């Protein structure tokens, strides 16, 4: 079977029209930031300069700025310059639809129309199906990839991405962006989110089509497989480990791989999932309570009420004082 190719040209990506449209998308929610305002002061000059460098292939990606966040666990975010992020957006907005069509339906991270809630609902549906309407015990294999973003092998990623692209100049550009960071991919780039999905799509396809894992779900670098047979999942784990190591140079996190029955409660995407209900993780509950004590503005309250509406959490809403709003 011939693999489909992204056939649009390099000129199509770097066109002034595409850069301007990318700018409109990029500045949403960022127009008040100093670096964005400075770039916008001389917007057309900056866009023409970027276009010229791309046209002449003299474009050089600048260094990243490091800062740390807690969301809730500590993470290092590497922020590119506005100029570079504009280019990332211009590339992303054109190649995302192509790559998204190649992904399996049960990949839920950083995709339009997907997300955590749909992943959790899919888990509930699969558990119902795999257990034959909760009449049979089912087992869950849950895995987490160790230091995923920083462990991505860029040579392998470039090969996977460029194998889907016809234009040699566009291959040059994607390689330039992927190689702009020293180790793996930087958290923070919109292109990193896409390229991470492209990389792990190799695992998704392997799980679905080689292992024939009917009940497989992935969100970012977390994935789960459901089955009535624990031994079958052990066999899957062996094959997955081998595939990740041999094909993608990745390892599973030793302390975040486990087998459990679904009825005993599965920790996935911040919730503990059971046969007929789900409850918020204790650490998430504590974090919400702490943030509400520090900031009880209406936007924060509405956000948490929206989060808790996706599980059995009315009692918790009452405990936190959210039910009255």
C-alpha atoms as a PDB file:
ATOM      1  CA  UNK A   1       0.000   0.000   0.000  1.00  0.00           C
ATOM      2  CA  UNK A   2       1.447   3.353  -1.058  1.00  0.00           C
ATOM      3  CA  UNK A   3       1.777   5.869   1.770  1.00  0.00           C
ATOM      4  CA  UNK A   4       0.004   9.176   1.115  1.00  0.00           C
ATOM      5  CA  UNK A   5       2.179  12.274   0.814  1.00  0.00           C
ATOM      6  CA  UNK A   6       1.837  15.926   1.754  1.00  0.00           C
ATOM      7  CA  UNK A   7       2.037  17.427  -1.710  1.00  0.00           C
ATOM      8  CA  UNK A   8       1.844  21.178  -1.039  1.00  0.00           C
ATOM      9  CA  UNK A   9       4.977  23.120  -1.903  1.00  0.00           C
ATOM     10  CA  UNK A  10       7.484  24.910   0.313  1.00  0.00           C
ATOM     11  CA  UNK A  11       6.401  28.211  -1.255  1.00  0.00           C
ATOM     12  CA  UNK A  12       2.839  27.482  -0.141  1.00  0.00           C
ATOM     13  CA  UNK A  13       4.025  27.208   3.493  1.00  0.00           C
ATOM     14  CA  UNK A  14       6.307  30.263   3.524  1.00  0.00           C
ATOM     15  CA  UNK A  15       4.041  32.543   1.509  1.00  0.00           C
ATOM     16  CA  UNK A  16       3.361  35.996   2.948  1.00  0.00           C
ATOM     17  CA  UNK A  17      -0.341  35.185   2.961  1.00  0.00           C
ATOM     18  CA  UNK A  18       0.195  32.081   5.097  1.00  0.00           C
ATOM     19  CA  UNK A  19       2.540  33.957   7.449  1.00  0.00           C
ATOM     20  CA  UNK A  20      -0.086  36.697   7.916  1.00  0.00           C
ATOM     21  CA  UNK A  21      -2.824  34.164   8.631  1.00  0.00           C
ATOM     22  CA  UNK A  22      -0.497  32.380  11.038  1.00  0.00           C
ATOM     23  CA  UNK A  23       0.138  35.687  12.803  1.00  0.00           C
ATOM     24  CA  UNK A  24      -3.599  36.242  13.332  1.00  0.00           C
ATOM     25  CA  UNK A  25      -3.867  32.827  14.948  1.00  0.00           C
ATOM     26  CA  UNK A  26      -0.659  33.170  16.941  1.00  0.00           C
ATOM     27  CA  UNK A  27      -1.445  36.543  18.555  1.00  0.00           C
ATOM     28  CA  UNK A  28      -4.790  35.430  20.016  1.00  0.00           C
ATOM     29  CA  UNK A  29      -4.460  35.621  23.781  1.00  0.00           C
ATOM     30  CA  UNK A  30      -0.877  36.901  23.483  1.00  0.00           C
ATOM     31  CA  UNK A  31      -1.359  40.460  22.172  1.00  0.00           C
ATOM     32  CA  UNK A  32      -0.693  41.919  25.626  1.00  0.00           C
ATOM     33  CA  UNK A  33       2.752  40.310  25.940  1.00  0.00           C
ATOM     34  CA  UNK A  34       5.771  42.537  25.499  1.00  0.00           C
ATOM     35  CA  UNK A  35       7.655  40.422  22.943  1.00  0.00           C
ATOM     36  CA  UNK A  36       4.518  40.037  20.819  1.00  0.00           C
ATOM     37  CA  UNK A  37       3.838  43.789  20.939  1.00  0.00           C
ATOM     38  CA  UNK A  38       7.430  44.553  19.929  1.00  0.00           C
ATOM     39  CA  UNK A  39       7.177  42.210  16.945  1.00  0.00           C
ATOM     40  CA  UNK A  40       3.831  43.725  15.945  1.00  0.00           C
ATOM     41  CA  UNK A  41       5.217  47.284  15.966  1.00  0.00           C
ATOM     42  CA  UNK A  42       7.006  46.452  12.709  1.00  0.00           C
ATOM     43  CA  UNK A  43       4.829  43.527  11.673  1.00  0.00           C
ATOM     44  CA  UNK A  44       5.157  43.693   7.883  1.00  0.00           C
ATOM     45  CA  UNK A  45       8.891  44.366   8.032  1.00  0.00           C
ATOM     46  CA  UNK A  46       9.320  41.351  10.319  1.00  0.00           C
ATOM     47  CA  UNK A  47       7.143  39.096   8.176  1.00  0.00           C
ATOM     48  CA  UNK A  48       8.898  40.176   4.966  1.00  0.00           C
ATOM     49  CA  UNK A  49      12.272  39.573   6.617  1.00  0.00           C
ATOM     50  CA  UNK A  50      11.215  36.092   7.725  1.00  0.00           C
ATOM     51  CA  UNK A  51       9.801  35.326   4.289  1.00  0.00           C
ATOM     52  CA  UNK A  52      13.032  36.477   2.622  1.00  0.00           C
ATOM     53  CA  UNK A  53      15.202  34.316   4.894  1.00  0.00           C
ATOM     54  CA  UNK A  54      12.998  31.309   4.220  1.00  0.00           C
ATOM     55  CA  UNK A  55      12.957  31.958   0.486  1.00  0.00           C
ATOM     56  CA  UNK A  56      16.767  32.189   0.399  1.00  0.00           C
ATOM     57  CA  UNK A  57      17.091  29.332   2.916  1.00  0.00           C
ATOM     58  CA  UNK A  58      19.220  31.557   5.161  1.00  0.00           C
ATOM     59  CA  UNK A  59      16.757  31.163   8.045  1.00  0.00           C
ATOM     60  CA  UNK A  60      18.390  30.367  11.397  1.00  0.00           C
ATOM     61  CA  UNK A  61      16.326  29.337  14.410  1.00  0.00           C
ATOM     62  CA  UNK A  62      17.191  31.348  17.519  1.00  0.00           C
ATOM     63  CA  UNK A  63      17.936  29.889  20.953  1.00  0.00           C
ATOM     64  CA  UNK A  64      15.201  28.963  23.389  1.00  0.00           C
ATOM     65  CA  UNK A  65      14.416  30.716  26.648  1.00  0.00           C
ATOM     66  CA  UNK A  66      14.027  28.333  29.601  1.00  0.00           C
ATOM     67  CA  UNK A  67      11.448  28.786  32.329  1.00  0.00           C
ATOM     68  CA  UNK A  68       9.802  26.442  34.818  1.00  0.00           C
ATOM     69  CA  UNK A  69       6.142  25.784  35.570  1.00  0.00           C
ATOM     70  CA  UNK A  70       4.138  23.451  37.825  1.00  0.00           C
ATOM     71  CA  UNK A  71       1.075  21.911  36.175  1.00  0.00           C
ATOM     72  CA  UNK A  72       0.938  20.274  38.777  1.00  0.00           C
ATOM     73  CA  UNK A  73       4.330  18.598  38.547  1.00  0.00           C
ATOM     74  CA  UNK A  74       7.413  20.713  37.765  1.00  0.00           C
ATOM     75  CA  UNK A  75       8.217  21.034  34.063  1.00  0.00           C
ATOM     76  CA  UNK A  76      10.828  22.833  32.012  1.00  0.00           C
ATOM     77  CA  UNK A  77       9.323  24.875  29.184  1.00  0.00           C
ATOM     78  CA  UNK A  78      11.562  26.132  26.385  1.00  0.00           C
ATOM     79  CA  UNK A  79      10.144  29.217  24.723  1.00  0.00           C
ATOM     80  CA  UNK A  80      11.157  30.183  21.195  1.00  0.00           C
ATOM     81  CA  UNK A  81      11.264  33.763  19.913  1.00  0.00           C
ATOM     82  CA  UNK A  82       8.112  35.306  18.458  1.00  0.00           C
ATOM     83  CA  UNK A  83       9.663  35.101  14.985  1.00  0.00           C
ATOM     84  CA  UNK A  84      10.302  31.381  15.339  1.00  0.00           C
ATOM     85  CA  UNK A  85       6.922  30.684  16.911  1.00  0.00           C
ATOM     86  CA  UNK A  86       5.251  32.470  14.007  1.00  0.00           C
ATOM     87  CA  UNK A  87       7.026  30.118  11.623  1.00  0.00           C
ATOM     88  CA  UNK A  88       6.048  27.106  13.758  1.00  0.00           C
ATOM     89  CA  UNK A  89       2.419  28.219  13.499  1.00  0.00           C
ATOM     90  CA  UNK A  90       2.658  28.777   9.743  1.00  0.00           C
ATOM     91  CA  UNK A  91       4.000  25.251   9.264  1.00  0.00           C
ATOM     92  CA  UNK A  92       1.625  23.655  11.756  1.00  0.00           C
ATOM     93  CA  UNK A  93      -1.564  25.158  10.322  1.00  0.00           C
ATOM     94  CA  UNK A  94      -0.838  23.585   6.930  1.00  0.00           C
ATOM     95  CA  UNK A  95       0.616  20.179   7.815  1.00  0.00           C
ATOM     96  CA  UNK A  96      -1.568  19.379  10.857  1.00  0.00           C
ATOM     97  CA  UNK A  97      -4.681  18.384   8.829  1.00  0.00           C
ATOM     98  CA  UNK A  98      -2.596  16.017   6.698  1.00  0.00           C
ATOM     99  CA  UNK A  99      -0.930  14.229   9.609  1.00  0.00           C
ATOM    100  CA  UNK A 100      -4.103  14.177  11.704  1.00  0.00           C
ATOM    101  CA  UNK A 101      -5.784  12.067   9.042  1.00  0.00           C
ATOM    102  CA  UNK A 102      -3.066   9.432   9.455  1.00  0.00           C
ATOM    103  CA  UNK A 103      -3.629   9.044  13.229  1.00  0.00           C
ATOM    104  CA  UNK A 104      -5.808   6.374  14.820  1.00  0.00           C
ATOM    105  CA  UNK A 105      -9.099   7.520  16.322  1.00  0.00           C
ATOM    106  CA  UNK A 106      -7.963   6.513  19.828  1.00  0.00           C
ATOM    107  CA  UNK A 107      -5.103   9.021  20.042  1.00  0.00           C
ATOM    108  CA  UNK A 108      -6.507  11.927  22.074  1.00  0.00           C
ATOM    109  CA  UNK A 109      -3.763  14.422  22.957  1.00  0.00           C
ATOM    110  CA  UNK A 110      -3.332  17.784  21.170  1.00  0.00           C
ATOM    111  CA  UNK A 111      -5.870  17.019  18.457  1.00  0.00           C
ATOM    112  CA  UNK A 112      -8.899  18.999  17.339  1.00  0.00           C
ATOM    113  CA  UNK A 113     -12.113  17.362  18.509  1.00  0.00           C
ATOM    114  CA  UNK A 114     -10.328  15.068  20.965  1.00  0.00           C
ATOM    115  CA  UNK A 115      -9.023  15.765  24.500  1.00  0.00           C
ATOM    116  CA  UNK A 116      -9.104  14.259  27.995  1.00  0.00           C
ATOM    117  CA  UNK A 117     -12.875  13.998  28.376  1.00  0.00           C
ATOM    118  CA  UNK A 118     -13.314  12.081  25.138  1.00  0.00           C
ATOM    119  CA  UNK A 119     -10.433   9.787  26.129  1.00  0.00           C
ATOM    120  CA  UNK A 120     -12.101   9.070  29.478  1.00  0.00           C
ATOM    121  CA  UNK A 121     -15.450   8.401  27.835  1.00  0.00           C
ATOM    122  CA  UNK A 122     -13.766   6.041  25.388  1.00  0.00           C
ATOM    123  CA  UNK A 123     -12.205   4.172  28.311  1.00  0.00           C
ATOM    124  CA  UNK A 124     -15.654   3.762  29.871  1.00  0.00           C
ATOM    125  CA  UNK A 125     -17.090   2.485  26.567  1.00  0.00           C
ATOM    126  CA  UNK A 126     -14.204   0.058  25.981  1.00  0.00           C
ATOM    127  CA  UNK A 127     -14.445  -1.262  29.554  1.00  0.00           C
ATOM    128  CA  UNK A 128     -18.142  -1.920  29.009  1.00  0.00           C
ATOM    129  CA  UNK A 129     -17.455  -3.751  25.744  1.00  0.00           C
ATOM    130  CA  UNK A 130     -14.402  -5.726  26.899  1.00  0.00           C
ATOM    131  CA  UNK A 131     -16.166  -6.893  30.079  1.00  0.00           C
ATOM    132  CA  UNK A 132     -19.268  -7.919  28.140  1.00  0.00           C
ATOM    133  CA  UNK A 133     -21.485  -5.399  29.932  1.00  0.00           C
ATOM    134  CA  UNK A 134     -19.511  -5.729  33.201  1.00  0.00           C
ATOM    135  CA  UNK A 135     -20.210  -9.455  33.465  1.00  0.00           C
ATOM    136  CA  UNK A 136     -16.537 -10.475  33.079  1.00  0.00           C
ATOM    137  CA  UNK A 137     -13.387  -9.338  34.857  1.00  0.00           C
ATOM    138  CA  UNK A 138     -11.110  -7.253  32.672  1.00  0.00           C
ATOM    139  CA  UNK A 139      -7.494  -6.299  33.154  1.00  0.00           C
ATOM    140  CA  UNK A 140      -5.788  -3.046  32.295  1.00  0.00           C
ATOM    141  CA  UNK A 141      -2.195  -2.574  31.199  1.00  0.00           C
ATOM    142  CA  UNK A 142      -1.230   1.046  31.834  1.00  0.00           C
ATOM    143  CA  UNK A 143       2.109   2.430  30.624  1.00  0.00           C
ATOM    144  CA  UNK A 144       4.001   5.711  30.667  1.00  0.00           C
ATOM    145  CA  UNK A 145       7.009   6.513  28.465  1.00  0.00           C
ATOM    146  CA  UNK A 146      10.060   7.691  30.373  1.00  0.00           C
ATOM    147  CA  UNK A 147      11.072  11.331  29.702  1.00  0.00           C
ATOM    148  CA  UNK A 148       9.255  11.147  26.401  1.00  0.00           C
ATOM    149  CA  UNK A 149       9.824  14.580  24.819  1.00  0.00           C
ATOM    150  CA  UNK A 150      13.522  14.647  25.685  1.00  0.00           C
ATOM    151  CA  UNK A 151      14.021  11.026  24.569  1.00  0.00           C
ATOM    152  CA  UNK A 152      12.686  11.414  21.039  1.00  0.00           C
ATOM    153  CA  UNK A 153      15.354  10.418  18.531  1.00  0.00           C
ATOM    154  CA  UNK A 154      15.433  13.308  16.066  1.00  0.00           C
ATOM    155  CA  UNK A 155      16.991  11.265  13.271  1.00  0.00           C
ATOM    156  CA  UNK A 156      14.120   8.791  13.452  1.00  0.00           C
ATOM    157  CA  UNK A 157      11.537  11.581  13.726  1.00  0.00           C
ATOM    158  CA  UNK A 158      12.933  13.432  10.705  1.00  0.00           C
ATOM    159  CA  UNK A 159      12.839  10.219   8.688  1.00  0.00           C
ATOM    160  CA  UNK A 160       9.197   9.562   9.661  1.00  0.00           C
ATOM    161  CA  UNK A 161       8.088  13.148   8.940  1.00  0.00           C
ATOM    162  CA  UNK A 162      10.022  13.599   5.716  1.00  0.00           C
ATOM    163  CA  UNK A 163       8.900  10.235   4.410  1.00  0.00           C
ATOM    164  CA  UNK A 164       5.440  11.835   4.186  1.00  0.00           C
ATOM    165  CA  UNK A 165       6.586  15.017   2.402  1.00  0.00           C
ATOM    166  CA  UNK A 166       7.323  15.419  -1.296  1.00  0.00           C
ATOM    167  CA  UNK A 167       8.970  18.867  -1.439  1.00  0.00           C
ATOM    168  CA  UNK A 168      12.709  18.751  -0.636  1.00  0.00           C
ATOM    169  CA  UNK A 169      12.749  22.364   0.559  1.00  0.00           C
ATOM    170  CA  UNK A 170       9.908  21.600   2.961  1.00  0.00           C
ATOM    171  CA  UNK A 171      11.886  18.620   4.219  1.00  0.00           C
ATOM    172  CA  UNK A 172      14.734  21.049   4.889  1.00  0.00           C
ATOM    173  CA  UNK A 173      12.409  23.296   6.887  1.00  0.00           C
ATOM    174  CA  UNK A 174      10.908  20.525   9.039  1.00  0.00           C
ATOM    175  CA  UNK A 175      14.407  19.205   9.751  1.00  0.00           C
ATOM    176  CA  UNK A 176      15.536  22.728  10.668  1.00  0.00           C
ATOM    177  CA  UNK A 177      12.740  23.084  13.230  1.00  0.00           C
ATOM    178  CA  UNK A 178      13.182  19.594  14.677  1.00  0.00           C
ATOM    179  CA  UNK A 179      16.944  20.155  15.024  1.00  0.00           C
ATOM    180  CA  UNK A 180      16.466  23.584  16.657  1.00  0.00           C
ATOM    181  CA  UNK A 181      16.521  21.953  20.098  1.00  0.00           C
ATOM    182  CA  UNK A 182      19.429  19.987  21.507  1.00  0.00           C
ATOM    183  CA  UNK A 183      17.733  16.991  23.146  1.00  0.00           C
ATOM    184  CA  UNK A 184      14.507  15.602  21.736  1.00  0.00           C
ATOM    185  CA  UNK A 185      11.699  18.130  21.356  1.00  0.00           C
ATOM    186  CA  UNK A 186      11.046  21.217  23.503  1.00  0.00           C
ATOM    187  CA  UNK A 187       7.885  21.425  25.578  1.00  0.00           C
ATOM    188  CA  UNK A 188       6.147  24.587  24.446  1.00  0.00           C
ATOM    189  CA  UNK A 189       6.362  24.445  20.640  1.00  0.00           C
ATOM    190  CA  UNK A 190       3.093  23.893  18.815  1.00  0.00           C
ATOM    191  CA  UNK A 191       5.075  21.839  16.309  1.00  0.00           C
ATOM    192  CA  UNK A 192       6.394  19.686  19.165  1.00  0.00           C
ATOM    193  CA  UNK A 193       2.842  18.624  19.998  1.00  0.00           C
ATOM    194  CA  UNK A 194       2.252  17.537  16.413  1.00  0.00           C
ATOM    195  CA  UNK A 195       5.619  15.864  15.918  1.00  0.00           C
ATOM    196  CA  UNK A 196       5.193  13.975  19.209  1.00  0.00           C
ATOM    197  CA  UNK A 197       1.936  12.533  17.870  1.00  0.00           C
ATOM    198  CA  UNK A 198       3.611  11.703  14.564  1.00  0.00           C
ATOM    199  CA  UNK A 199       6.352   9.858  16.467  1.00  0.00           C
ATOM    200  CA  UNK A 200       3.990   7.868  18.693  1.00  0.00           C
ATOM    201  CA  UNK A 201       1.639   7.175  15.801  1.00  0.00           C
ATOM    202  CA  UNK A 202       4.195   4.490  14.965  1.00  0.00           C
ATOM    203  CA  UNK A 203       3.374   2.837  18.304  1.00  0.00           C
ATOM    204  CA  UNK A 204      -0.362   3.357  17.790  1.00  0.00           C
ATOM    205  CA  UNK A 205      -0.280   1.644  14.407  1.00  0.00           C
ATOM    206  CA  UNK A 206       1.808  -1.202  15.831  1.00  0.00           C
ATOM    207  CA  UNK A 207      -0.599  -1.727  18.751  1.00  0.00           C
ATOM    208  CA  UNK A 208      -3.709  -1.625  16.591  1.00  0.00           C
ATOM    209  CA  UNK A 209      -2.588  -3.443  13.466  1.00  0.00           C
ATOM    210  CA  UNK A 210       0.287  -5.724  14.528  1.00  0.00           C
ATOM    211  CA  UNK A 211      -0.728  -6.615  18.078  1.00  0.00           C
ATOM    212  CA  UNK A 212      -4.431  -6.391  17.162  1.00  0.00           C
ATOM    213  CA  UNK A 213      -5.131  -4.627  20.461  1.00  0.00           C
ATOM    214  CA  UNK A 214      -8.800  -3.745  19.986  1.00  0.00           C
ATOM    215  CA  UNK A 215      -9.045  -1.770  23.222  1.00  0.00           C
ATOM    216  CA  UNK A 216      -6.105   0.619  23.099  1.00  0.00           C
ATOM    217  CA  UNK A 217      -6.132   4.301  24.092  1.00  0.00           C
ATOM    218  CA  UNK A 218      -3.290   6.832  24.129  1.00  0.00           C
ATOM    219  CA  UNK A 219      -3.146  10.328  25.550  1.00  0.00           C
ATOM    220  CA  UNK A 220       0.286  11.968  25.088  1.00  0.00           C
ATOM    221  CA  UNK A 221       2.840   9.470  26.445  1.00  0.00           C
ATOM    222  CA  UNK A 222       0.318   7.524  28.577  1.00  0.00           C
ATOM    223  CA  UNK A 223      -1.451   4.563  27.044  1.00  0.00           C
ATOM    224  CA  UNK A 224      -3.656   1.735  28.227  1.00  0.00           C
ATOM    225  CA  UNK A 225      -4.806  -1.606  26.816  1.00  0.00           C
ATOM    226  CA  UNK A 226      -7.823  -3.540  28.074  1.00  0.00           C
ATOM    227  CA  UNK A 227      -8.326  -7.297  27.906  1.00  0.00           C
ATOM    228  CA  UNK A 228     -10.046 -10.143  29.704  1.00  0.00           C
ATOM    229  CA  UNK A 229      -6.721 -11.994  29.779  1.00  0.00           C
ATOM    230  CA  UNK A 230      -3.874 -10.824  31.995  1.00  0.00           C
ATOM    231  CA  UNK A 231      -1.397 -13.089  30.197  1.00  0.00           C
ATOM    232  CA  UNK A 232      -2.381 -11.553  26.871  1.00  0.00           C
ATOM    233  CA  UNK A 233      -1.526  -8.120  28.295  1.00  0.00           C
ATOM    234  CA  UNK A 234       1.819  -9.447  29.550  1.00  0.00           C
ATOM    235  CA  UNK A 235       2.557 -10.617  26.007  1.00  0.00           C
ATOM    236  CA  UNK A 236       1.525  -7.195  24.699  1.00  0.00           C
ATOM    237  CA  UNK A 237       3.859  -5.509  27.180  1.00  0.00           C
ATOM    238  CA  UNK A 238       6.814  -7.583  25.996  1.00  0.00           C
ATOM    239  CA  UNK A 239       6.122  -6.702  22.350  1.00  0.00           C
ATOM    240  CA  UNK A 240       5.529  -3.009  23.113  1.00  0.00           C
ATOM    241  CA  UNK A 241       8.793  -2.708  25.053  1.00  0.00           C
ATOM    242  CA  UNK A 242      10.693  -4.315  22.201  1.00  0.00           C
ATOM    243  CA  UNK A 243       9.058  -2.132  19.575  1.00  0.00           C
ATOM    244  CA  UNK A 244       9.690   1.085  21.490  1.00  0.00           C
ATOM    245  CA  UNK A 245      13.334   0.234  22.059  1.00  0.00           C
ATOM    246  CA  UNK A 246      14.097  -1.131  18.597  1.00  0.00           C
ATOM    247  CA  UNK A 247      12.077   1.273  16.449  1.00  0.00           C
ATOM    248  CA  UNK A 248      11.765   4.508  18.449  1.00  0.00           C
ATOM    249  CA  UNK A 249      14.634   4.325  20.999  1.00  0.00           C
ATOM    250  CA  UNK A 250      12.178   4.855  23.863  1.00  0.00           C
ATOM    251  CA  UNK A 251      11.757   3.187  27.256  1.00  0.00           C
ATOM    252  CA  UNK A 252       8.770   2.702  29.508  1.00  0.00           C
ATOM    253  CA  UNK A 253       8.840   4.300  32.946  1.00  0.00           C
ATOM    254  CA  UNK A 254       9.569   1.342  35.244  1.00  0.00           C
ATOM    255  CA  UNK A 255       7.480   2.667  38.126  1.00  0.00           C
ATOM    256  CA  UNK A 256       4.508   3.667  35.974  1.00  0.00           C
ATOM    257  CA  UNK A 257       3.744   0.348  34.294  1.00  0.00           C
ATOM    258  CA  UNK A 258       1.164  -1.822  36.003  1.00  0.00           C
ATOM    259  CA  UNK A 259      -1.592  -4.396  35.609  1.00  0.00           C
ATOM    260  CA  UNK A 260      -4.873  -3.921  37.489  1.00  0.00           C
ATOM    261  CA  UNK A 261      -8.434  -5.072  37.239  1.00  0.00           C
ATOM    262  CA  UNK A 262     -10.715  -2.319  36.040  1.00  0.00           C
ATOM    263  CA  UNK A 263     -13.083  -2.801  38.963  1.00  0.00           C
ATOM    264  CA  UNK A 264     -10.267  -2.024  41.450  1.00  0.00           C
ATOM    265  CA  UNK A 265      -9.919   1.502  40.022  1.00  0.00           C
ATOM    266  CA  UNK A 266      -7.748   2.777  37.159  1.00  0.00           C
ATOM    267  CA  UNK A 267      -5.843   6.051  37.535  1.00  0.00           C
ATOM    268  CA  UNK A 268      -6.037   7.763  34.141  1.00  0.00           C
ATOM    269  CA  UNK A 269      -5.958  11.454  33.233  1.00  0.00           C
ATOM    270  CA  UNK A 270      -6.455  12.733  36.768  1.00  0.00           C
ATOM    271  CA  UNK A 271      -9.454  10.523  37.590  1.00  0.00           C
ATOM    272  CA  UNK A 272      -9.863   7.090  39.187  1.00  0.00           C
ATOM    273  CA  UNK A 273     -12.138   5.026  36.937  1.00  0.00           C
ATOM    274  CA  UNK A 274     -14.440   2.251  38.138  1.00  0.00           C
ATOM    275  CA  UNK A 275     -17.128   0.172  36.436  1.00  0.00           C
ATOM    276  CA  UNK A 276     -19.972   2.662  36.770  1.00  0.00           C
ATOM    277  CA  UNK A 277     -18.412   5.881  38.032  1.00  0.00           C
ATOM    278  CA  UNK A 278     -15.212   7.926  38.229  1.00  0.00           C
ATOM    279  CA  UNK A 279     -13.827  10.067  41.032  1.00  0.00           C
ATOM    280  CA  UNK A 280     -11.197  12.782  41.087  1.00  0.00           C
ATOM    281  CA  UNK A 281      -7.684  11.836  42.158  1.00  0.00           C
ATOM    282  CA  UNK A 282      -6.875  12.796  45.781  1.00  0.00           C
ATOM    283  CA  UNK A 283      -3.853  14.875  44.756  1.00  0.00           C
ATOM    284  CA  UNK A 284      -6.052  16.793  42.283  1.00  0.00           C
ATOM    285  CA  UNK A 285      -8.652  17.388  44.987  1.00  0.00           C
ATOM    286  CA  UNK A 286      -5.988  18.841  47.306  1.00  0.00           C
ATOM    287  CA  UNK A 287      -4.636  21.062  44.525  1.00  0.00           C
ATOM    288  CA  UNK A 288      -8.103  22.414  43.730  1.00  0.00           C
ATOM    289  CA  UNK A 289      -8.777  23.139  47.413  1.00  0.00           C
ATOM    290  CA  UNK A 290      -5.439  24.934  47.741  1.00  0.00           C
ATOM    291  CA  UNK A 291      -6.030  27.084  44.662  1.00  0.00           C
ATOM    292  CA  UNK A 292      -9.570  27.966  45.718  1.00  0.00           C
ATOM    293  CA  UNK A 293      -8.250  29.138  49.064  1.00  0.00           C
ATOM    294  CA  UNK A 294      -5.748  31.382  47.284  1.00  0.00           C
ATOM    295  CA  UNK A 295      -8.051  32.589  44.503  1.00  0.00           C
ATOM    296  CA  UNK A 296     -11.824  32.286  44.461  1.00  0.00           C
ATOM    297  CA  UNK A 297     -12.636  34.450  41.417  1.00  0.00           C
ATOM    298  CA  UNK A 298     -15.608  33.452  39.288  1.00  0.00           C
ATOM    299  CA  UNK A 299     -13.467  32.321  36.343  1.00  0.00           C
ATOM    300  CA  UNK A 300     -11.504  29.896  38.549  1.00  0.00           C
ATOM    301  CA  UNK A 301     -14.714  28.592  40.134  1.00  0.00           C
ATOM    302  CA  UNK A 302     -16.347  28.051  36.730  1.00  0.00           C
ATOM    303  CA  UNK A 303     -13.235  26.237  35.494  1.00  0.00           C
ATOM    304  CA  UNK A 304     -13.213  23.800  38.405  1.00  0.00           C
ATOM    305  CA  UNK A 305     -16.964  23.243  38.233  1.00  0.00           C
ATOM    306  CA  UNK A 306     -16.507  22.363  34.562  1.00  0.00           C
ATOM    307  CA  UNK A 307     -13.722  19.920  35.416  1.00  0.00           C
ATOM    308  CA  UNK A 308     -15.676  18.208  38.187  1.00  0.00           C
ATOM    309  CA  UNK A 309     -18.796  17.907  36.035  1.00  0.00           C
ATOM    310  CA  UNK A 310     -17.111  15.099  34.113  1.00  0.00           C
ATOM    311  CA  UNK A 311     -17.229  12.680  37.048  1.00  0.00           C
ATOM    312  CA  UNK A 312     -19.147  11.729  40.175  1.00  0.00           C
ATOM    313  CA  UNK A 313     -18.098  14.771  42.170  1.00  0.00           C
ATOM    314  CA  UNK A 314     -21.200  16.569  43.456  1.00  0.00           C
ATOM    315  CA  UNK A 315     -20.288  15.715  47.050  1.00  0.00           C
ATOM    316  CA  UNK A 316     -16.803  17.097  46.443  1.00  0.00           C
ATOM    317  CA  UNK A 317     -18.277  20.277  44.930  1.00  0.00           C
ATOM    318  CA  UNK A 318     -20.242  20.729  48.155  1.00  0.00           C
ATOM    319  CA  UNK A 319     -17.124  20.138  50.268  1.00  0.00           C
ATOM    320  CA  UNK A 320     -15.222  22.750  48.262  1.00  0.00           C
ATOM    321  CA  UNK A 321     -18.080  25.232  48.344  1.00  0.00           C
ATOM    322  CA  UNK A 322     -18.610  25.111  44.591  1.00  0.00           C
ATOM    323  CA  UNK A 323     -22.165  23.756  44.555  1.00  0.00           C
ATOM    324  CA  UNK A 324     -23.643  27.105  45.629  1.00  0.00           C
ATOM    325  CA  UNK A 325     -22.366  28.853  42.480  1.00  0.00           C
END
